[in-house]
Structures are given as structure tokens and as C-alpha cells.
Amino acid sequence: MLEGMYKTDLNIIEAESGTVLHALKKTDPGFQEFGEVYFSIVVKDAVKAWKMHQRMTLNLIVPVGSVLFCFIDVRDKSSTLNETCKIILSQEPYFRLTVPPGVWFGFKGVSDGLNLICN
């Protein structure tokens, strides 16, 4: 992974009335401050790219489907400058990917049906 990126394993709690998928709480690593939460849907084989946040830390979770993310580090002072990273987010394994500001990224839907990204 690129400098400043990290994975945080998340819990899935099975219940008869429906499954609960943990996302983020203020005591978790990667929580900076609350800015916004949004969801993005990407259909299979559709690509949404390129995006880069200059000040916002991303906390990416894919609770439904599978999404391939591609990253490139363009931060001048980073030890991974110009390096790339590819990673698939899904429920198996279920984790949150924290991405620092200044990293370009794009993503592609991998699964048939709904591929849902929470950021």
C-alpha cells in the first residue's frame, strides 16, 4: 500500500432480524473529523476515475458487492511518490481502507448486481 494508507478490519454481526455491518466510530484509527458521508453505486465493469481530495482523508468501505480501487501517489514528500496500488474492497474480507489526502484514485465495479461504496 501507499504511505499513509491502512486497512482496518471491521465486524459483521449476524442477527435473525438482519445483519449489522460496522463502519466507523470516532475512536477508530482513521477518524479525523466528521465532514461528510456519501454512498456511490458503480455497476459491474463501469469505471469512475480519476478523483483526488486535497484535504480530505477517505475512509472507504464496500458493504455490498465488490469494487476494485486503483491509487497513485502524487504527494511530493511521500516515500511512495509515483507508486500505484490496487485493492478490492468487499465483505470478504470486510475492512475499511483509509486513504490520506493527495492520492489519486479510481474504481471499477467487480460484482454483478449492486456494488455500493461508503465514503
Protein backbone atom coordinates (compact mmCIF):
# COMPACT_ATOMS: atom_id res chain seq x y z
CA MET A 1 0.00 0.00 0.00
CA LEU A 2 0.96 3.63 -0.30
CA GLU A 3 2.39 5.70 2.54
CA GLY A 4 -0.37 6.71 4.97
CA MET A 5 -2.88 4.13 3.71
CA TYR A 6 -4.05 1.40 6.04
CA LYS A 7 -6.68 -1.27 6.44
CA THR A 8 -8.90 -1.64 9.49
CA ASP A 9 -10.77 -4.93 9.91
CA LEU A 10 -14.48 -4.41 10.54
CA ASN A 11 -17.09 -6.54 12.27
CA ILE A 12 -20.12 -8.12 10.69
CA ILE A 13 -22.76 -9.01 13.26
CA GLU A 14 -25.23 -11.63 12.10
CA ALA A 15 -28.72 -11.43 13.58
CA GLU A 16 -32.02 -13.14 12.83
CA SER A 17 -33.66 -9.80 12.09
CA GLY A 18 -30.83 -8.67 9.78
CA THR A 19 -27.08 -8.24 9.59
CA VAL A 20 -25.24 -5.24 11.06
CA LEU A 21 -22.07 -4.08 9.29
CA HIS A 22 -19.77 -1.86 11.36
CA ALA A 23 -18.31 1.20 9.58
CA LEU A 24 -16.63 3.89 11.71
CA LYS A 25 -16.74 5.41 15.16
CA LYS A 26 -14.88 8.45 16.43
CA THR A 27 -12.43 6.34 18.46
CA ASP A 28 -11.30 4.34 15.39
CA PRO A 29 -7.96 4.83 13.66
CA GLY A 30 -8.57 6.85 10.50
CA PHE A 31 -11.23 9.04 12.05
CA GLN A 32 -10.05 12.63 11.61
CA GLU A 33 -13.22 14.64 12.00
CA PHE A 34 -16.66 14.44 10.53
CA GLY A 35 -17.02 16.14 7.16
CA GLU A 36 -19.46 14.09 5.13
CA VAL A 37 -20.52 10.55 4.37
CA TYR A 38 -21.68 9.60 0.93
CA PHE A 39 -22.54 6.46 -0.99
CA SER A 40 -21.65 5.72 -4.57
CA ILE A 41 -23.06 2.92 -6.71
CA VAL A 42 -20.99 1.51 -9.53
CA VAL A 43 -22.30 -1.15 -11.93
CA LYS A 44 -20.20 -4.11 -12.99
CA ASP A 45 -17.30 -3.15 -15.27
CA ALA A 46 -18.13 0.58 -15.02
CA VAL A 47 -15.14 2.77 -14.19
CA LYS A 48 -15.30 6.02 -12.25
CA ALA A 49 -11.95 7.81 -12.29
CA TRP A 50 -9.86 9.90 -11.57
CA LYS A 51 -10.53 11.66 -8.29
CA MET A 52 -8.28 13.25 -5.68
CA HIS A 53 -9.08 15.03 -2.44
CA GLN A 54 -6.53 17.65 -1.43
CA ARG A 55 -7.57 17.98 2.23
CA MET A 56 -10.00 15.14 2.99
CA THR A 57 -8.98 11.75 4.40
CA LEU A 58 -11.04 8.97 2.79
CA ASN A 59 -12.46 6.05 4.72
CA LEU A 60 -13.69 3.62 2.05
CA ILE A 61 -15.98 0.67 2.79
CA VAL A 62 -17.82 -1.64 0.39
CA PRO A 63 -20.69 -3.24 2.34
CA VAL A 64 -22.39 -4.66 -0.78
CA GLY A 65 -20.70 -6.17 -3.84
CA SER A 66 -17.03 -5.86 -4.78
CA VAL A 67 -15.14 -2.84 -6.07
CA LEU A 68 -11.60 -2.65 -7.45
CA PHE A 69 -9.79 0.54 -6.39
CA CYS A 70 -6.64 1.85 -8.07
CA PHE A 71 -4.48 4.50 -6.42
CA ILE A 72 -1.45 6.58 -7.45
CA ASP A 73 0.59 8.64 -5.02
CA VAL A 74 1.45 12.14 -6.29
CA ARG A 75 2.50 13.66 -2.95
CA ASP A 76 5.92 15.29 -3.35
CA LYS A 77 7.14 14.39 0.14
CA SER A 78 5.81 10.81 0.18
CA SER A 79 8.13 7.81 0.33
CA THR A 80 5.80 6.13 -2.22
CA LEU A 81 5.74 9.05 -4.71
CA ASN A 82 4.54 7.85 -8.17
CA GLU A 83 3.81 4.34 -6.88
CA THR A 84 0.48 2.65 -7.57
CA CYS A 85 -1.69 0.30 -5.55
CA LYS A 86 -4.70 -1.85 -6.47
CA ILE A 87 -7.06 -3.38 -3.92
CA ILE A 88 -10.53 -4.94 -3.93
CA LEU A 89 -12.97 -3.98 -1.19
CA SER A 90 -15.94 -6.21 -0.35
CA GLN A 91 -17.49 -8.06 2.60
CA GLU A 92 -14.90 -10.84 2.36
CA PRO A 93 -12.69 -9.74 3.92
CA TYR A 94 -14.66 -6.81 5.33
CA PHE A 95 -12.45 -3.81 6.15
CA ARG A 96 -12.19 -0.06 5.90
CA LEU A 97 -9.44 1.45 3.77
CA THR A 98 -8.12 4.81 4.98
CA VAL A 99 -6.54 6.95 2.27
CA PRO A 100 -4.70 10.21 3.02
CA PRO A 101 -5.23 13.41 1.01
CA GLY A 102 -3.22 13.87 -2.19
CA VAL A 103 -3.69 10.38 -3.62
CA TRP A 104 -5.44 10.00 -6.99
CA PHE A 105 -7.90 7.12 -7.25
CA GLY A 106 -10.46 5.47 -9.46
CA PHE A 107 -12.67 2.45 -9.06
CA LYS A 108 -14.49 -0.23 -11.03
CA GLY A 109 -17.48 -2.41 -10.18
CA VAL A 110 -16.50 -6.06 -9.99
CA SER A 111 -19.65 -7.92 -8.92
CA ASP A 112 -22.90 -8.49 -10.78
CA GLY A 113 -25.72 -6.52 -9.21
CA LEU A 114 -25.21 -3.73 -6.71
CA ASN A 115 -21.71 -2.53 -5.83
CA LEU A 116 -22.03 0.04 -3.06
CA ILE A 117 -19.22 2.26 -1.77
CA CYS A 118 -19.46 4.16 1.50
CA ASN A 119 -17.03 7.04 1.94
